[in-house]
Protein backbone atom coordinates (compact mmCIF):
# COMPACT_ATOMS: atom_id res chain seq x y z
CA UNK A 1 -1.93 -75.74 -13.58
CA UNK A 2 -0.90 -78.83 -15.50
CA UNK A 3 -2.82 -77.69 -18.58
CA UNK A 4 -1.18 -74.25 -18.38
CA UNK A 5 2.28 -75.79 -18.22
CA UNK A 6 1.45 -78.05 -21.16
CA UNK A 7 0.27 -75.07 -23.19
CA UNK A 8 3.39 -73.08 -22.29
CA UNK A 9 5.71 -75.94 -23.16
CA UNK A 10 4.16 -76.24 -26.63
CA UNK A 11 4.20 -72.48 -27.15
CA UNK A 12 7.80 -72.08 -26.09
CA UNK A 13 8.86 -75.09 -28.16
CA UNK A 14 7.61 -73.15 -31.17
CA UNK A 15 9.50 -70.04 -30.02
CA UNK A 16 12.69 -72.06 -29.54
CA UNK A 17 12.42 -73.45 -33.05
CA UNK A 18 12.10 -69.92 -34.38
CA UNK A 19 15.05 -68.68 -32.33
CA UNK A 20 17.39 -71.60 -32.98
CA UNK A 21 18.25 -70.93 -36.64
CA UNK A 22 20.57 -68.14 -35.45
CA UNK A 23 22.38 -70.85 -33.51
CA UNK A 24 21.72 -73.74 -35.87
CA UNK A 25 23.77 -76.25 -33.91
CA UNK A 26 21.48 -75.99 -30.87
CA UNK A 27 18.64 -78.51 -30.79
CA UNK A 28 16.35 -79.84 -28.06
CA UNK A 29 17.29 -83.33 -29.26
CA UNK A 30 21.06 -82.77 -29.39
CA UNK A 31 21.73 -85.65 -26.97
CA UNK A 32 18.95 -87.88 -28.27
CA UNK A 33 21.39 -90.62 -29.28
CA UNK A 34 24.49 -89.87 -27.21
CA UNK A 35 22.87 -89.27 -23.80
CA UNK A 36 19.11 -89.83 -24.04
CA UNK A 37 18.55 -89.80 -20.27
CA UNK A 38 20.34 -86.52 -19.53
CA UNK A 39 17.17 -84.51 -18.87
CA UNK A 40 15.87 -87.10 -16.41
CA UNK A 41 19.20 -87.16 -14.59
CA UNK A 42 19.21 -83.37 -14.25
CA UNK A 43 15.58 -83.26 -13.15
CA UNK A 44 16.08 -85.95 -10.49
CA UNK A 45 19.11 -84.20 -9.03
CA UNK A 46 17.34 -80.83 -9.02
CA UNK A 47 14.29 -82.38 -7.38
CA UNK A 48 16.50 -83.67 -4.57
CA UNK A 49 18.28 -80.32 -4.23
CA UNK A 50 15.09 -78.25 -4.10
CA UNK A 51 13.53 -80.65 -1.59
CA UNK A 52 16.55 -80.12 0.65
CA UNK A 53 16.40 -76.35 0.21
CA UNK A 54 13.69 -74.67 -1.85
CA UNK A 55 15.88 -71.58 -2.32
CA UNK A 56 18.19 -73.63 -4.55
CA UNK A 57 15.80 -73.24 -7.47
CA UNK A 58 16.33 -69.48 -7.37
CA UNK A 59 20.08 -69.85 -6.82
CA UNK A 60 20.57 -71.97 -9.94
CA UNK A 61 18.37 -69.64 -12.01
CA UNK A 62 20.52 -66.70 -10.93
CA UNK A 63 23.71 -68.60 -11.71
CA UNK A 64 22.48 -69.25 -15.26
CA UNK A 65 21.64 -65.56 -15.70
CA UNK A 66 25.10 -64.51 -14.50
CA UNK A 67 26.71 -67.05 -16.81
CA UNK A 68 24.84 -65.98 -19.94
CA UNK A 69 25.47 -62.26 -19.44
CA UNK A 70 29.26 -62.72 -19.57
CA UNK A 71 30.42 -63.87 -23.02
CA UNK A 72 27.34 -66.03 -23.49
CA UNK A 73 26.00 -69.23 -21.93
CA UNK A 74 29.30 -71.11 -21.76
CA UNK A 75 29.64 -72.25 -18.12
CA UNK A 76 32.51 -69.82 -17.56
CA UNK A 77 30.87 -68.84 -14.26
CA UNK A 78 31.57 -72.35 -12.91
CA UNK A 79 35.35 -72.17 -13.28
CA UNK A 80 37.42 -71.92 -10.10
CA UNK A 81 40.40 -69.63 -9.73
CA UNK A 82 43.81 -71.30 -9.83
CA UNK A 83 47.38 -70.05 -9.50
CA UNK A 84 47.40 -69.34 -13.23
CA UNK A 85 43.71 -68.70 -13.98
CA UNK A 86 41.21 -66.10 -12.77
CA UNK A 87 37.56 -67.00 -13.08
CA UNK A 88 34.37 -65.02 -12.48
CA UNK A 89 33.48 -66.22 -8.99
CA UNK A 90 35.26 -63.31 -7.28
CA UNK A 91 33.52 -60.66 -9.38
CA UNK A 92 31.46 -58.18 -7.35
CA UNK A 93 28.07 -59.57 -8.41
CA UNK A 94 29.19 -63.15 -7.66
CA UNK A 95 31.53 -63.23 -4.67
CA UNK A 96 29.94 -64.65 -1.53
CA UNK A 97 26.65 -64.43 -3.40
CA UNK A 98 26.35 -67.04 -6.15
CA UNK A 99 25.56 -70.44 -4.71
CA UNK A 100 24.66 -73.93 -5.87
CA UNK A 101 27.98 -74.90 -7.42
CA UNK A 102 27.92 -78.14 -5.44
CA UNK A 103 24.54 -79.00 -6.98
CA UNK A 104 25.97 -78.57 -10.48
CA UNK A 105 28.94 -80.74 -9.43
CA UNK A 106 26.56 -83.49 -8.34
CA UNK A 107 24.58 -83.35 -11.57
CA UNK A 108 27.75 -83.37 -13.66
CA UNK A 109 29.08 -86.41 -11.80
CA UNK A 110 25.86 -88.34 -12.43
CA UNK A 111 25.77 -87.33 -16.07
CA UNK A 112 29.40 -88.35 -16.54
CA UNK A 113 28.61 -91.76 -15.08
CA UNK A 114 25.83 -92.23 -17.61
CA UNK A 115 27.45 -90.52 -20.63
CA UNK A 116 31.16 -89.91 -20.26
CA UNK A 117 32.58 -86.71 -21.85
CA UNK A 118 29.35 -86.02 -23.74
CA UNK A 119 27.19 -83.37 -22.03
CA UNK A 120 28.54 -79.88 -21.41
CA UNK A 121 28.37 -78.05 -18.12
CA UNK A 122 26.72 -75.19 -20.02
CA UNK A 123 23.83 -77.43 -21.04
CA UNK A 124 23.56 -78.90 -17.55
CA UNK A 125 23.21 -75.39 -16.11
CA UNK A 126 20.58 -74.46 -18.70
CA UNK A 127 18.52 -77.55 -17.89
CA UNK A 128 18.95 -77.15 -14.14
CA UNK A 129 17.75 -73.53 -14.28
CA UNK A 130 14.60 -74.58 -16.12
CA UNK A 131 13.93 -77.45 -13.71
CA UNK A 132 14.40 -75.24 -10.65
CA UNK A 133 11.68 -72.91 -11.89
CA UNK A 134 9.32 -75.79 -12.67
CA UNK A 135 9.88 -77.40 -9.27
CA UNK A 136 8.80 -74.14 -7.59
CA UNK A 137 5.56 -74.03 -9.57
CA UNK A 138 6.69 -72.01 -12.57
CA UNK A 139 6.41 -72.66 -16.31
CA UNK A 140 8.36 -75.19 -18.32
CA UNK A 141 10.06 -74.60 -21.65
CA UNK A 142 12.00 -76.65 -24.16
CA UNK A 143 15.75 -76.07 -23.74
CA UNK A 144 17.79 -76.06 -26.95
CA UNK A 145 20.99 -78.04 -26.33
CA UNK A 146 24.43 -78.39 -27.85
CA UNK A 147 26.38 -75.67 -26.04
CA UNK A 148 30.02 -76.35 -25.31
CA UNK A 149 32.09 -75.14 -22.37
CA UNK A 150 34.44 -72.18 -22.38
CA UNK A 151 38.13 -72.59 -21.67
CA UNK A 152 38.30 -68.98 -20.49
CA UNK A 153 36.44 -66.63 -18.17
CA UNK A 154 36.17 -62.87 -17.78
CA UNK A 155 36.37 -61.27 -14.35
CA UNK A 156 36.13 -57.81 -15.91
CA UNK A 157 33.09 -58.87 -17.94
CA UNK A 158 31.36 -60.19 -14.84
CA UNK A 159 32.04 -56.89 -13.09
CA UNK A 160 30.75 -54.76 -15.97
CA UNK A 161 28.08 -56.74 -17.83
CA UNK A 162 25.85 -58.16 -15.08
CA UNK A 163 23.13 -55.62 -14.21
CA UNK A 164 23.42 -54.05 -10.76
CA UNK A 165 20.62 -53.99 -8.18
CA UNK A 166 21.20 -50.23 -8.09
CA UNK A 167 20.63 -49.74 -11.85
CA UNK A 168 18.29 -47.19 -13.37
CA UNK A 169 15.70 -48.24 -15.93
CA UNK A 170 17.82 -46.78 -18.72
CA UNK A 171 20.86 -48.73 -17.55
CA UNK A 172 18.84 -51.95 -17.33
CA UNK A 173 17.45 -51.55 -20.83
CA UNK A 174 20.95 -50.85 -22.15
CA UNK A 175 22.47 -53.83 -20.33
CA UNK A 176 19.88 -56.25 -21.69
CA UNK A 177 20.04 -54.74 -25.18
CA UNK A 178 23.78 -55.45 -25.24
CA UNK A 179 22.85 -59.14 -24.94
CA UNK A 180 20.23 -59.00 -27.68
CA UNK A 181 17.34 -58.84 -25.22
CA UNK A 182 14.65 -56.17 -25.52
CA UNK A 183 12.84 -54.27 -22.79
CA UNK A 184 9.97 -56.78 -22.71
CA UNK A 185 12.47 -59.61 -22.22
CA UNK A 186 14.06 -57.63 -19.41
CA UNK A 187 10.80 -57.03 -17.58
CA UNK A 188 9.77 -60.66 -17.95
CA UNK A 189 13.16 -62.02 -16.86
CA UNK A 190 13.15 -59.69 -13.86
CA UNK A 191 10.18 -61.78 -12.74
CA UNK A 192 12.75 -64.39 -11.79
CA UNK A 193 12.77 -62.37 -8.57
CA UNK A 194 9.48 -64.10 -7.83
CA UNK A 195 11.73 -66.61 -6.04
CA UNK A 196 14.72 -66.31 -3.80
CA UNK A 197 16.33 -63.98 -1.28
CA UNK A 198 18.54 -60.89 -1.41
CA UNK A 199 21.29 -59.64 0.88
CA UNK A 200 20.87 -56.46 2.91
CA UNK A 201 23.81 -54.86 1.10
CA UNK A 202 21.87 -55.04 -2.16
CA UNK A 203 18.74 -53.26 -0.88
CA UNK A 204 19.94 -51.03 1.99
CA UNK A 205 20.00 -47.86 -0.12
CA UNK A 206 16.53 -48.72 -1.41
CA UNK A 207 14.89 -48.91 2.01
CA UNK A 208 16.78 -45.97 3.56
CA UNK A 209 17.12 -43.52 0.67
CA UNK A 210 14.49 -44.15 -2.02
CA UNK A 211 11.29 -42.14 -1.86
CA UNK A 212 9.18 -44.31 -4.19
CA UNK A 213 8.72 -46.96 -1.52
CA UNK A 214 5.82 -47.98 0.69
CA UNK A 215 6.68 -46.68 4.17
CA UNK A 216 5.47 -49.71 6.09
CA UNK A 217 7.39 -52.02 3.76
CA UNK A 218 10.58 -50.02 4.29
CA UNK A 219 10.09 -50.12 8.05
CA UNK A 220 9.63 -53.89 8.01
CA UNK A 221 12.76 -54.46 5.97
CA UNK A 222 14.83 -52.16 8.20
CA UNK A 223 14.29 -54.51 11.13
CA UNK A 224 16.66 -57.00 9.52
CA UNK A 225 18.81 -54.60 7.53
CA UNK A 226 20.39 -51.89 9.70
CA UNK A 227 21.81 -48.70 8.26
CA UNK A 228 25.26 -50.15 8.81
CA UNK A 229 26.34 -53.74 9.34
CA UNK A 230 24.36 -56.87 8.66
CA UNK A 231 25.35 -56.88 5.01
CA UNK A 232 24.66 -60.60 4.60
CA UNK A 233 21.26 -60.56 6.32
CA UNK A 234 18.63 -61.90 3.95
CA UNK A 235 15.14 -60.81 2.93
CA UNK A 236 12.70 -62.42 0.46
CA UNK A 237 12.47 -60.83 -2.97
CA UNK A 238 8.71 -61.14 -2.63
CA UNK A 239 6.33 -62.53 -0.01
CA UNK A 240 6.38 -66.04 -1.53
CA UNK A 241 10.11 -66.68 -2.15
CA UNK A 242 9.65 -70.43 -2.64
CA UNK A 243 6.78 -70.21 -5.12
CA UNK A 244 7.09 -68.96 -8.68
CA UNK A 245 4.11 -66.62 -9.03
CA UNK A 246 3.42 -63.02 -10.07
CA UNK A 247 3.45 -61.46 -6.60
CA UNK A 248 6.69 -59.75 -7.63
CA UNK A 249 4.73 -57.50 -10.00
CA UNK A 250 2.00 -56.94 -7.43
CA UNK A 251 4.71 -55.62 -5.13
CA UNK A 252 6.07 -53.27 -7.79
CA UNK A 253 2.61 -51.73 -8.31
CA UNK A 254 2.37 -51.31 -4.53
CA UNK A 255 5.87 -49.70 -4.39
CA UNK A 256 7.17 -52.71 -2.48
CA UNK A 257 9.95 -53.78 -4.83
CA UNK A 258 12.89 -54.89 -2.71
CA UNK A 259 15.70 -53.79 -5.01
CA UNK A 260 16.06 -50.35 -6.52
CA UNK A 261 16.38 -51.98 -9.94
CA UNK A 262 13.11 -53.84 -9.33
CA UNK A 263 11.12 -50.71 -8.60
CA UNK A 264 12.61 -48.98 -11.63
CA UNK A 265 10.37 -51.21 -13.74
CA UNK A 266 7.34 -49.44 -12.25
CA UNK A 267 8.21 -45.84 -11.61
CA UNK A 268 6.43 -43.76 -14.24
CA UNK A 269 8.49 -45.17 -17.09
CA UNK A 270 8.19 -47.27 -20.23
CA UNK A 271 7.60 -50.60 -18.46
CA UNK A 272 4.71 -49.55 -16.21
CA UNK A 273 2.00 -50.90 -18.52
CA UNK A 274 3.74 -54.26 -18.93
CA UNK A 275 4.21 -54.59 -15.16
CA UNK A 276 0.47 -54.01 -14.74
CA UNK A 277 -0.21 -56.67 -17.37
CA UNK A 278 1.94 -59.22 -15.59
CA UNK A 279 0.38 -58.27 -12.26
CA UNK A 280 -3.09 -58.94 -13.65
CA UNK A 281 -2.29 -61.92 -15.87
CA UNK A 282 -0.06 -64.70 -14.53
CA UNK A 283 -0.30 -66.62 -17.79
CA UNK A 284 0.96 -63.64 -19.82
CA UNK A 285 3.92 -63.31 -17.47
CA UNK A 286 4.90 -66.97 -17.48
CA UNK A 287 4.56 -67.24 -21.25
CA UNK A 288 6.84 -64.23 -21.77
CA UNK A 289 9.24 -65.41 -19.07
CA UNK A 290 9.63 -68.84 -20.63
CA UNK A 291 10.18 -67.37 -24.11
CA UNK A 292 12.74 -64.90 -22.75
CA UNK A 293 14.59 -67.73 -20.98
CA UNK A 294 14.94 -69.54 -24.32
CA UNK A 295 16.19 -66.33 -25.90
CA UNK A 296 18.67 -65.69 -23.10
CA UNK A 297 19.89 -69.28 -23.28
CA UNK A 298 20.79 -68.68 -26.92
CA UNK A 299 23.24 -65.87 -26.17
CA UNK A 300 26.54 -66.60 -27.95
CA UNK A 301 26.80 -70.34 -27.35
CA UNK A 302 30.01 -72.18 -28.18
CA UNK A 303 29.12 -74.91 -30.66
CA UNK A 304 30.74 -77.29 -33.10
CA UNK A 305 34.45 -77.53 -32.30
CA UNK A 306 34.61 -74.37 -30.20
CA UNK A 307 35.31 -74.77 -26.51
CA UNK A 308 35.24 -78.24 -24.96
CA UNK A 309 33.15 -80.68 -22.94
CA UNK A 310 34.58 -80.32 -19.44
CA UNK A 311 34.89 -83.44 -17.33
CA UNK A 312 34.82 -81.32 -14.17
CA UNK A 313 32.77 -78.13 -14.37
CA UNK A 314 35.21 -76.27 -12.10
CA UNK A 315 38.33 -76.67 -14.27
CA UNK A 316 39.23 -76.79 -17.94
CA UNK A 317 40.30 -80.17 -19.24
């Protein structure tokens, strides 16, 4: 496993160097002089958080995804509502669903103690997402750094740009393409559902209405997700929700995808062959996943003098 991670880190470092020219200000060594210990600080805090609750690795990964899909990876998702400001936390995909904000607060506080007003919340979230995956047994990748934090947020963007668990394959491909991500990126990034849990409200229609579902799997899930009520009851996205593996793709081939949008990746369409590849080859999946995470992390970053370095991730300076 260690040799695989080493290989992937080297491979994805090369990918990141190829991707970064489009965002020339981003660099893995951006804080090399100004905050050389930032990655260790983030990793230590994430280690503590995941030890307390393994699910937190998935929660932070999801938070990063929801951040990047709304006006780029700019930490806008972290901003609280105020009397004069509306953030993204009350958007349909986020409200009572996104979690882990307190973990980001803890990391930010520790980073500020070490390097005052230097490291952005956007970069902290990018690093924390990577570390959460690694701590649950997944691949590592080199994170380009130098993002700055948004002073604005978009509730409407969060409601319209984050893919729905009810999406068709065509809608998923379109949603990812709008962010500069291709269908292969989409199928690899969907493998983030190798970890974590989902609420009954997000998969009820799947287990009661879809026909491309294993009957025994649907029956099992119905025991904790009634036809009405129980919206916040949780179920694992795959059978090993605290371990980053390729069981997610095994489930899709077996028609045991929990979300409708999951099973759309293997339903007689354009991604079937790639799902089979990832099901049969863990290394192929993790290599593509890591590369796609670098690519996603490069969506429309604020750099240079744009945005700011927030002192508190929840509010603009």
